Amino acid sequence: MKECTNMHTLPIGSHPYEIQSGDSLWMISQRHHTSIQAITTVNPGLDVNSLYIGDIILVPQSFDIYRIPAQEISEEDITEEVLSNHLRMLWEQHVYWTRLVIQSMVFHLPDTELVTERLLRNPKDFEAALIPFYGEDIAGEFEELFTTHLTIAADLIKAAIENNSTAASDAEKLWYENADEIAAFLGSINPFWSAQEWQRMLYDHLAMTKDEAIDMISNNFSDSITEFDDIESQALDMADMMIEGIINQFPENF
């Protein structure tokens, strides 16, 4: 096991961290709410391309990124490009923070509560993005459905980690019922959104996320990473479907 060169003189606000399987500096920076640059600054001489399991590095003090309030898109600032960039970012964040929560739960990491709190901000960010088009009530209903999607997922992952097949089966059934509700709801508020298409996309999302988690629990890290590539691509497809529907429904806003 190698230690960072300045381990015995810790910079103020930093703490030691042991490299785990599957770690990258990006993953570490996201997990500890810091940046790659901040990590390399307190670890002079660190080779970012040569991280080995068991190595000890320093991680600088985090900042409360998960406490940043949800931001609405100003109606005056809305363009097709702004909407597209914002919603694609939210879907990216949805799958990235979901993966980080899965990792934290599977490996019993100390940041599980904080990472989960950040993930649960994602539905509120979607709510804020939808308010200019649908108003607070409809946007709030979507936030509730999407939050339920995440809390059920956490129950499913917990049951899988504990090898509780009954609880896992019950959670998975609720998960798909929730997907049906989300699909039907979206289909009801926008004539350019097909409930059937949303259902298909959400079912694919659930199946891939479950496989991602099972691969991680089973230490099939390579398969989990490959699965995540597909999850990310499919999330952007959902983002584009959402964007196209809003632009077609509200052409006067653009």
C-alpha atoms as a PDB file:
ATOM      1  CA  MET A   1       0.000   0.000   0.000  1.00  0.00           C
ATOM      2  CA  LYS A   2       1.380   3.394  -1.003  1.00  0.00           C
ATOM      3  CA  GLU A   3       0.710   6.576   0.905  1.00  0.00           C
ATOM      4  CA  CYS A   4       0.607  10.075  -0.505  1.00  0.00           C
ATOM      5  CA  THR A   5       3.856  11.935   0.044  1.00  0.00           C
ATOM      6  CA  ASN A   6       2.397  14.516   2.411  1.00  0.00           C
ATOM      7  CA  MET A   7       0.302  12.144   4.528  1.00  0.00           C
ATOM      8  CA  HIS A   8       2.053  13.126   7.747  1.00  0.00           C
ATOM      9  CA  THR A   9       1.451  16.849   7.196  1.00  0.00           C
ATOM     10  CA  LEU A  10      -2.180  16.960   6.184  1.00  0.00           C
ATOM     11  CA  PRO A  11      -3.253  20.240   4.561  1.00  0.00           C
ATOM     12  CA  ILE A  12      -5.953  21.961   6.596  1.00  0.00           C
ATOM     13  CA  GLY A  13      -9.377  20.589   5.707  1.00  0.00           C
ATOM     14  CA  SER A  14      -8.119  17.452   3.939  1.00  0.00           C
ATOM     15  CA  HIS A  15      -8.502  13.812   4.930  1.00  0.00           C
ATOM     16  CA  PRO A  16      -6.928  10.530   3.779  1.00  0.00           C
ATOM     17  CA  TYR A  17      -8.824   8.265   1.388  1.00  0.00           C
ATOM     18  CA  GLU A  18      -7.998   4.691   0.365  1.00  0.00           C
ATOM     19  CA  ILE A  19      -8.471   3.909  -3.351  1.00  0.00           C
ATOM     20  CA  GLN A  20     -11.246   1.354  -3.900  1.00  0.00           C
ATOM     21  CA  SER A  21     -11.977  -0.944  -6.832  1.00  0.00           C
ATOM     22  CA  GLY A  22     -13.478   0.989  -9.739  1.00  0.00           C
ATOM     23  CA  ASP A  23     -12.314   4.388  -8.450  1.00  0.00           C
ATOM     24  CA  SER A  24     -11.271   7.232 -10.710  1.00  0.00           C
ATOM     25  CA  LEU A  25     -10.424  10.779  -9.708  1.00  0.00           C
ATOM     26  CA  TRP A  26     -13.695  11.927 -11.254  1.00  0.00           C
ATOM     27  CA  MET A  27     -15.674   9.425  -9.175  1.00  0.00           C
ATOM     28  CA  ILE A  28     -13.754  10.382  -6.029  1.00  0.00           C
ATOM     29  CA  SER A  29     -14.277  14.098  -6.674  1.00  0.00           C
ATOM     30  CA  GLN A  30     -18.008  13.624  -7.218  1.00  0.00           C
ATOM     31  CA  ARG A  31     -18.377  11.388  -4.178  1.00  0.00           C
ATOM     32  CA  HIS A  32     -16.635  13.911  -1.912  1.00  0.00           C
ATOM     33  CA  HIS A  33     -18.172  17.003  -3.533  1.00  0.00           C
ATOM     34  CA  THR A  34     -14.850  18.451  -4.642  1.00  0.00           C
ATOM     35  CA  SER A  35     -12.930  18.664  -7.936  1.00  0.00           C
ATOM     36  CA  ILE A  36     -10.141  16.773  -9.688  1.00  0.00           C
ATOM     37  CA  GLN A  37      -8.000  19.913  -9.622  1.00  0.00           C
ATOM     38  CA  ALA A  38      -8.466  20.295  -5.863  1.00  0.00           C
ATOM     39  CA  ILE A  39      -7.431  16.675  -5.314  1.00  0.00           C
ATOM     40  CA  THR A  40      -4.298  16.943  -7.457  1.00  0.00           C
ATOM     41  CA  THR A  41      -3.345  20.192  -5.698  1.00  0.00           C
ATOM     42  CA  VAL A  42      -3.092  18.465  -2.302  1.00  0.00           C
ATOM     43  CA  ASN A  43      -1.417  15.401  -3.840  1.00  0.00           C
ATOM     44  CA  PRO A  44       1.663  16.756  -5.664  1.00  0.00           C
ATOM     45  CA  GLY A  45       3.209  14.152  -7.937  1.00  0.00           C
ATOM     46  CA  LEU A  46       0.018  12.071  -8.130  1.00  0.00           C
ATOM     47  CA  ASP A  47      -0.255  10.193 -11.442  1.00  0.00           C
ATOM     48  CA  VAL A  48      -3.957  10.511 -12.273  1.00  0.00           C
ATOM     49  CA  ASN A  49      -3.687   7.597 -14.716  1.00  0.00           C
ATOM     50  CA  SER A  50      -2.151   5.201 -12.200  1.00  0.00           C
ATOM     51  CA  LEU A  51      -4.480   4.729  -9.249  1.00  0.00           C
ATOM     52  CA  TYR A  52      -4.095   1.403  -7.475  1.00  0.00           C
ATOM     53  CA  ILE A  53      -6.438  -0.263  -5.003  1.00  0.00           C
ATOM     54  CA  GLY A  54      -5.127   0.345  -1.493  1.00  0.00           C
ATOM     55  CA  ASP A  55      -3.240   3.548  -2.326  1.00  0.00           C
ATOM     56  CA  ILE A  56      -3.863   6.400   0.115  1.00  0.00           C
ATOM     57  CA  ILE A  57      -4.450   9.894  -1.249  1.00  0.00           C
ATOM     58  CA  LEU A  58      -5.645  13.138   0.318  1.00  0.00           C
ATOM     59  CA  VAL A  59      -9.087  14.516  -0.419  1.00  0.00           C
ATOM     60  CA  PRO A  60      -9.665  18.236   0.276  1.00  0.00           C
ATOM     61  CA  GLN A  61     -12.552  19.604   2.262  1.00  0.00           C
ATOM     62  CA  SER A  62     -15.882  19.248   0.462  1.00  0.00           C
ATOM     63  CA  PHE A  63     -18.393  21.923  -0.282  1.00  0.00           C
ATOM     64  CA  ASP A  64     -22.149  21.664   0.028  1.00  0.00           C
ATOM     65  CA  ILE A  65     -23.033  21.136  -3.620  1.00  0.00           C
ATOM     66  CA  TYR A  66     -25.966  18.950  -2.612  1.00  0.00           C
ATOM     67  CA  ARG A  67     -27.540  21.881  -0.760  1.00  0.00           C
ATOM     68  CA  ILE A  68     -27.719  24.207  -3.753  1.00  0.00           C
ATOM     69  CA  PRO A  69     -31.423  24.994  -4.273  1.00  0.00           C
ATOM     70  CA  ALA A  70     -33.213  23.986  -7.450  1.00  0.00           C
ATOM     71  CA  GLN A  71     -33.012  26.581 -10.196  1.00  0.00           C
ATOM     72  CA  GLU A  72     -35.942  27.473 -12.435  1.00  0.00           C
ATOM     73  CA  ILE A  73     -35.391  28.447 -16.052  1.00  0.00           C
ATOM     74  CA  SER A  74     -36.329  32.098 -16.429  1.00  0.00           C
ATOM     75  CA  GLU A  75     -39.099  32.492 -19.010  1.00  0.00           C
ATOM     76  CA  GLU A  76     -37.184  35.444 -20.472  1.00  0.00           C
ATOM     77  CA  ASP A  77     -34.108  33.276 -20.999  1.00  0.00           C
ATOM     78  CA  ILE A  78     -35.802  30.248 -22.567  1.00  0.00           C
ATOM     79  CA  THR A  79     -34.521  29.202 -25.982  1.00  0.00           C
ATOM     80  CA  GLU A  80     -34.494  25.779 -27.585  1.00  0.00           C
ATOM     81  CA  GLU A  81     -30.782  25.541 -26.845  1.00  0.00           C
ATOM     82  CA  VAL A  82     -31.182  26.562 -23.194  1.00  0.00           C
ATOM     83  CA  LEU A  83     -34.017  24.068 -22.680  1.00  0.00           C
ATOM     84  CA  SER A  84     -32.104  21.286 -24.434  1.00  0.00           C
ATOM     85  CA  ASN A  85     -28.898  21.840 -22.469  1.00  0.00           C
ATOM     86  CA  HIS A  86     -30.756  22.064 -19.157  1.00  0.00           C
ATOM     87  CA  LEU A  87     -32.926  18.957 -19.535  1.00  0.00           C
ATOM     88  CA  ARG A  88     -30.080  16.882 -20.942  1.00  0.00           C
ATOM     89  CA  MET A  89     -28.008  17.926 -17.931  1.00  0.00           C
ATOM     90  CA  LEU A  90     -30.799  16.881 -15.539  1.00  0.00           C
ATOM     91  CA  TRP A  91     -31.135  13.436 -17.128  1.00  0.00           C
ATOM     92  CA  GLU A  92     -27.349  13.027 -17.023  1.00  0.00           C
ATOM     93  CA  GLN A  93     -27.360  13.977 -13.343  1.00  0.00           C
ATOM     94  CA  HIS A  94     -30.200  11.542 -12.723  1.00  0.00           C
ATOM     95  CA  VAL A  95     -28.210   8.532 -13.896  1.00  0.00           C
ATOM     96  CA  TYR A  96     -24.836   9.695 -12.547  1.00  0.00           C
ATOM     97  CA  TRP A  97     -26.087  10.358  -9.009  1.00  0.00           C
ATOM     98  CA  THR A  98     -28.081   7.115  -9.123  1.00  0.00           C
ATOM     99  CA  ARG A  99     -24.846   5.240  -9.883  1.00  0.00           C
ATOM    100  CA  LEU A 100     -23.033   6.999  -7.049  1.00  0.00           C
ATOM    101  CA  VAL A 101     -25.827   6.064  -4.624  1.00  0.00           C
ATOM    102  CA  ILE A 102     -25.660   2.442  -5.774  1.00  0.00           C
ATOM    103  CA  GLN A 103     -21.903   2.416  -5.176  1.00  0.00           C
ATOM    104  CA  SER A 104     -22.286   3.986  -1.745  1.00  0.00           C
ATOM    105  CA  MET A 105     -24.969   1.490  -0.710  1.00  0.00           C
ATOM    106  CA  VAL A 106     -23.192  -1.571  -2.084  1.00  0.00           C
ATOM    107  CA  PHE A 107     -19.834  -0.721  -0.501  1.00  0.00           C
ATOM    108  CA  HIS A 108     -21.285   0.823   2.682  1.00  0.00           C
ATOM    109  CA  LEU A 109     -19.498   4.119   2.122  1.00  0.00           C
ATOM    110  CA  PRO A 110     -19.764   6.908   4.699  1.00  0.00           C
ATOM    111  CA  ASP A 111     -21.216   9.366   2.195  1.00  0.00           C
ATOM    112  CA  THR A 112     -24.380   7.343   1.474  1.00  0.00           C
ATOM    113  CA  GLU A 113     -26.720   9.793   3.197  1.00  0.00           C
ATOM    114  CA  LEU A 114     -25.204  12.845   1.511  1.00  0.00           C
ATOM    115  CA  VAL A 115     -25.102  11.284  -1.956  1.00  0.00           C
ATOM    116  CA  THR A 116     -28.706  10.113  -1.558  1.00  0.00           C
ATOM    117  CA  GLU A 117     -29.747  13.609  -0.516  1.00  0.00           C
ATOM    118  CA  ARG A 118     -28.128  15.009  -3.654  1.00  0.00           C
ATOM    119  CA  LEU A 119     -29.864  12.443  -5.859  1.00  0.00           C
ATOM    120  CA  LEU A 120     -33.213  13.343  -4.321  1.00  0.00           C
ATOM    121  CA  ARG A 121     -32.676  16.948  -5.428  1.00  0.00           C
ATOM    122  CA  ASN A 122     -32.932  15.767  -9.035  1.00  0.00           C
ATOM    123  CA  PRO A 123     -36.757  15.473  -9.075  1.00  0.00           C
ATOM    124  CA  LYS A 124     -36.983  18.965  -7.579  1.00  0.00           C
ATOM    125  CA  ASP A 125     -34.707  20.273 -10.336  1.00  0.00           C
ATOM    126  CA  PHE A 126     -37.027  18.695 -12.911  1.00  0.00           C
ATOM    127  CA  GLU A 127     -39.977  20.306 -11.152  1.00  0.00           C
ATOM    128  CA  ALA A 128     -38.317  23.720 -11.398  1.00  0.00           C
ATOM    129  CA  ALA A 129     -37.582  23.166 -15.104  1.00  0.00           C
ATOM    130  CA  LEU A 130     -41.194  22.226 -15.856  1.00  0.00           C
ATOM    131  CA  ILE A 131     -42.897  25.042 -13.905  1.00  0.00           C
ATOM    132  CA  PRO A 132     -42.551  27.680 -16.695  1.00  0.00           C
ATOM    133  CA  PHE A 133     -44.496  25.386 -19.031  1.00  0.00           C
ATOM    134  CA  TYR A 134     -46.941  23.468 -16.839  1.00  0.00           C
ATOM    135  CA  GLY A 135     -47.293  25.466 -13.636  1.00  0.00           C
ATOM    136  CA  GLU A 136     -46.554  24.495 -10.056  1.00  0.00           C
ATOM    137  CA  ASP A 137     -49.274  21.865  -9.575  1.00  0.00           C
ATOM    138  CA  ILE A 138     -48.449  19.702 -12.587  1.00  0.00           C
ATOM    139  CA  ALA A 139     -44.701  20.123 -12.131  1.00  0.00           C
ATOM    140  CA  GLY A 140     -45.101  19.226  -8.458  1.00  0.00           C
ATOM    141  CA  GLU A 141     -46.979  16.042  -9.344  1.00  0.00           C
ATOM    142  CA  PHE A 142     -44.133  14.973 -11.607  1.00  0.00           C
ATOM    143  CA  GLU A 143     -41.654  15.671  -8.786  1.00  0.00           C
ATOM    144  CA  GLU A 144     -43.600  13.394  -6.447  1.00  0.00           C
ATOM    145  CA  LEU A 145     -43.753  10.561  -8.990  1.00  0.00           C
ATOM    146  CA  PHE A 146     -40.066  10.883  -9.841  1.00  0.00           C
ATOM    147  CA  THR A 147     -39.069  10.976  -6.165  1.00  0.00           C
ATOM    148  CA  THR A 148     -41.030   7.771  -5.624  1.00  0.00           C
ATOM    149  CA  HIS A 149     -39.150   6.239  -8.552  1.00  0.00           C
ATOM    150  CA  LEU A 150     -35.887   6.883  -6.679  1.00  0.00           C
ATOM    151  CA  THR A 151     -37.023   5.771  -3.222  1.00  0.00           C
ATOM    152  CA  ILE A 152     -38.367   2.489  -4.587  1.00  0.00           C
ATOM    153  CA  ALA A 153     -35.071   1.959  -6.406  1.00  0.00           C
ATOM    154  CA  ALA A 154     -33.234   2.371  -3.092  1.00  0.00           C
ATOM    155  CA  ASP A 155     -35.518  -0.239  -1.491  1.00  0.00           C
ATOM    156  CA  LEU A 156     -34.823  -2.638  -4.355  1.00  0.00           C
ATOM    157  CA  ILE A 157     -31.062  -2.181  -4.113  1.00  0.00           C
ATOM    158  CA  LYS A 158     -31.129  -2.621  -0.323  1.00  0.00           C
ATOM    159  CA  ALA A 159     -33.102  -5.860  -0.696  1.00  0.00           C
ATOM    160  CA  ALA A 160     -30.696  -7.123  -3.367  1.00  0.00           C
ATOM    161  CA  ILE A 161     -27.674  -6.352  -1.172  1.00  0.00           C
ATOM    162  CA  GLU A 162     -29.307  -8.273   1.684  1.00  0.00           C
ATOM    163  CA  ASN A 163     -30.220 -11.115  -0.715  1.00  0.00           C
ATOM    164  CA  ASN A 164     -33.875 -10.717   0.302  1.00  0.00           C
ATOM    165  CA  SER A 165     -35.615 -12.011  -2.809  1.00  0.00           C
ATOM    166  CA  THR A 166     -39.136 -11.416  -1.497  1.00  0.00           C
ATOM    167  CA  ALA A 167     -38.512  -7.765  -0.655  1.00  0.00           C
ATOM    168  CA  ALA A 168     -36.666  -7.289  -3.949  1.00  0.00           C
ATOM    169  CA  SER A 169     -39.560  -8.757  -5.922  1.00  0.00           C
ATOM    170  CA  ASP A 170     -42.081  -6.568  -4.079  1.00  0.00           C
ATOM    171  CA  ALA A 171     -39.990  -3.439  -4.675  1.00  0.00           C
ATOM    172  CA  GLU A 172     -39.496  -4.256  -8.352  1.00  0.00           C
ATOM    173  CA  LYS A 173     -43.255  -4.665  -8.828  1.00  0.00           C
ATOM    174  CA  LEU A 174     -43.851  -1.249  -7.252  1.00  0.00           C
ATOM    175  CA  TRP A 175     -41.043   0.218  -9.374  1.00  0.00           C
ATOM    176  CA  TYR A 176     -42.735  -0.798 -12.621  1.00  0.00           C
ATOM    177  CA  GLU A 177     -46.138   0.345 -11.371  1.00  0.00           C
ATOM    178  CA  ASN A 178     -44.580   3.724 -10.661  1.00  0.00           C
ATOM    179  CA  ALA A 179     -43.111   3.765 -14.187  1.00  0.00           C
ATOM    180  CA  ASP A 180     -46.616   3.144 -15.537  1.00  0.00           C
ATOM    181  CA  GLU A 181     -47.878   6.103 -13.515  1.00  0.00           C
ATOM    182  CA  ILE A 182     -45.099   8.390 -14.767  1.00  0.00           C
ATOM    183  CA  ALA A 183     -45.683   7.357 -18.381  1.00  0.00           C
ATOM    184  CA  ALA A 184     -49.458   7.851 -18.130  1.00  0.00           C
ATOM    185  CA  PHE A 185     -48.992  11.211 -16.423  1.00  0.00           C
ATOM    186  CA  LEU A 186     -46.583  12.517 -19.061  1.00  0.00           C
ATOM    187  CA  GLY A 187     -48.851  11.277 -21.821  1.00  0.00           C
ATOM    188  CA  SER A 188     -51.764  13.151 -20.254  1.00  0.00           C
ATOM    189  CA  ILE A 189     -50.076  16.575 -20.045  1.00  0.00           C
ATOM    190  CA  ASN A 190     -48.473  16.754 -23.480  1.00  0.00           C
ATOM    191  CA  PRO A 191     -50.128  15.552 -26.716  1.00  0.00           C
ATOM    192  CA  PHE A 192     -46.682  15.127 -28.272  1.00  0.00           C
ATOM    193  CA  TRP A 193     -45.621  12.665 -25.578  1.00  0.00           C
ATOM    194  CA  SER A 194     -46.753   9.094 -26.089  1.00  0.00           C
ATOM    195  CA  ALA A 195     -47.555   7.285 -22.855  1.00  0.00           C
ATOM    196  CA  GLN A 196     -46.652   3.990 -24.552  1.00  0.00           C
ATOM    197  CA  GLU A 197     -43.276   5.319 -25.682  1.00  0.00           C
ATOM    198  CA  TRP A 198     -42.518   6.734 -22.234  1.00  0.00           C
ATOM    199  CA  GLN A 199     -43.473   3.397 -20.715  1.00  0.00           C
ATOM    200  CA  ARG A 200     -41.089   1.564 -23.059  1.00  0.00           C
ATOM    201  CA  MET A 201     -38.261   3.981 -22.314  1.00  0.00           C
ATOM    202  CA  LEU A 202     -38.816   3.855 -18.561  1.00  0.00           C
ATOM    203  CA  TYR A 203     -39.017   0.049 -18.552  1.00  0.00           C
ATOM    204  CA  ASP A 204     -35.668  -0.077 -20.374  1.00  0.00           C
ATOM    205  CA  HIS A 205     -34.235   2.396 -17.850  1.00  0.00           C
ATOM    206  CA  LEU A 206     -35.385   0.265 -14.904  1.00  0.00           C
ATOM    207  CA  ALA A 207     -34.057  -2.980 -16.389  1.00  0.00           C
ATOM    208  CA  MET A 208     -30.643  -1.487 -17.147  1.00  0.00           C
ATOM    209  CA  THR A 209     -30.362   0.196 -13.741  1.00  0.00           C
ATOM    210  CA  LYS A 210     -31.212  -3.082 -12.005  1.00  0.00           C
ATOM    211  CA  ASP A 211     -28.558  -4.905 -14.061  1.00  0.00           C
ATOM    212  CA  GLU A 212     -26.046  -2.162 -13.237  1.00  0.00           C
ATOM    213  CA  ALA A 213     -26.692  -2.624  -9.516  1.00  0.00           C
ATOM    214  CA  ILE A 214     -26.608  -6.439  -9.648  1.00  0.00           C
ATOM    215  CA  ASP A 215     -23.317  -6.349 -11.547  1.00  0.00           C
ATOM    216  CA  MET A 216     -21.862  -4.060  -8.893  1.00  0.00           C
ATOM    217  CA  ILE A 217     -23.127  -6.242  -6.042  1.00  0.00           C
ATOM    218  CA  SER A 218     -21.604  -9.272  -7.799  1.00  0.00           C
ATOM    219  CA  ASN A 219     -18.263  -7.479  -8.333  1.00  0.00           C
ATOM    220  CA  ASN A 220     -18.767  -7.599 -12.101  1.00  0.00           C
ATOM    221  CA  PHE A 221     -17.375  -4.088 -12.412  1.00  0.00           C
ATOM    222  CA  SER A 222     -16.544  -4.265 -16.112  1.00  0.00           C
ATOM    223  CA  ASP A 223     -20.123  -5.278 -16.975  1.00  0.00           C
ATOM    224  CA  SER A 224     -21.471  -2.568 -14.670  1.00  0.00           C
ATOM    225  CA  ILE A 225     -19.447   0.093 -16.475  1.00  0.00           C
ATOM    226  CA  THR A 226     -20.584  -1.179 -19.880  1.00  0.00           C
ATOM    227  CA  GLU A 227     -24.166  -1.147 -18.630  1.00  0.00           C
ATOM    228  CA  PHE A 228     -23.785   2.413 -17.438  1.00  0.00           C
ATOM    229  CA  ASP A 229     -22.651   3.536 -20.897  1.00  0.00           C
ATOM    230  CA  ASP A 230     -25.975   2.226 -22.237  1.00  0.00           C
ATOM    231  CA  ILE A 231     -27.884   3.843 -19.363  1.00  0.00           C
ATOM    232  CA  GLU A 232     -26.328   7.228 -20.089  1.00  0.00           C
ATOM    233  CA  SER A 233     -27.094   7.005 -23.811  1.00  0.00           C
ATOM    234  CA  GLN A 234     -30.684   5.969 -23.150  1.00  0.00           C
ATOM    235  CA  ALA A 235     -31.155   8.761 -20.601  1.00  0.00           C
ATOM    236  CA  LEU A 236     -30.192  11.283 -23.268  1.00  0.00           C
ATOM    237  CA  ASP A 237     -32.795   9.703 -25.566  1.00  0.00           C
ATOM    238  CA  MET A 238     -35.403  10.344 -22.866  1.00  0.00           C
ATOM    239  CA  ALA A 239     -34.136  13.900 -22.504  1.00  0.00           C
ATOM    240  CA  ASP A 240     -34.468  14.498 -26.241  1.00  0.00           C
ATOM    241  CA  MET A 241     -37.994  13.071 -26.244  1.00  0.00           C
ATOM    242  CA  MET A 242     -38.942  15.387 -23.398  1.00  0.00           C
ATOM    243  CA  ILE A 243     -37.343  18.407 -25.098  1.00  0.00           C
ATOM    244  CA  GLU A 244     -38.997  17.759 -28.464  1.00  0.00           C
ATOM    245  CA  GLY A 245     -42.409  17.378 -26.842  1.00  0.00           C
ATOM    246  CA  ILE A 246     -42.146  20.659 -24.932  1.00  0.00           C
ATOM    247  CA  ILE A 247     -40.953  22.601 -27.994  1.00  0.00           C
ATOM    248  CA  ASN A 248     -43.819  21.183 -30.110  1.00  0.00           C
ATOM    249  CA  GLN A 249     -46.407  21.878 -27.412  1.00  0.00           C
ATOM    250  CA  PHE A 250     -45.243  25.427 -26.640  1.00  0.00           C
ATOM    251  CA  PRO A 251     -43.820  26.845 -29.901  1.00  0.00           C
ATOM    252  CA  GLU A 252     -44.748  30.369 -28.808  1.00  0.00           C
ATOM    253  CA  ASN A 253     -42.225  30.136 -25.951  1.00  0.00           C
ATOM    254  CA  PHE A 254     -39.267  29.788 -28.298  1.00  0.00           C
END
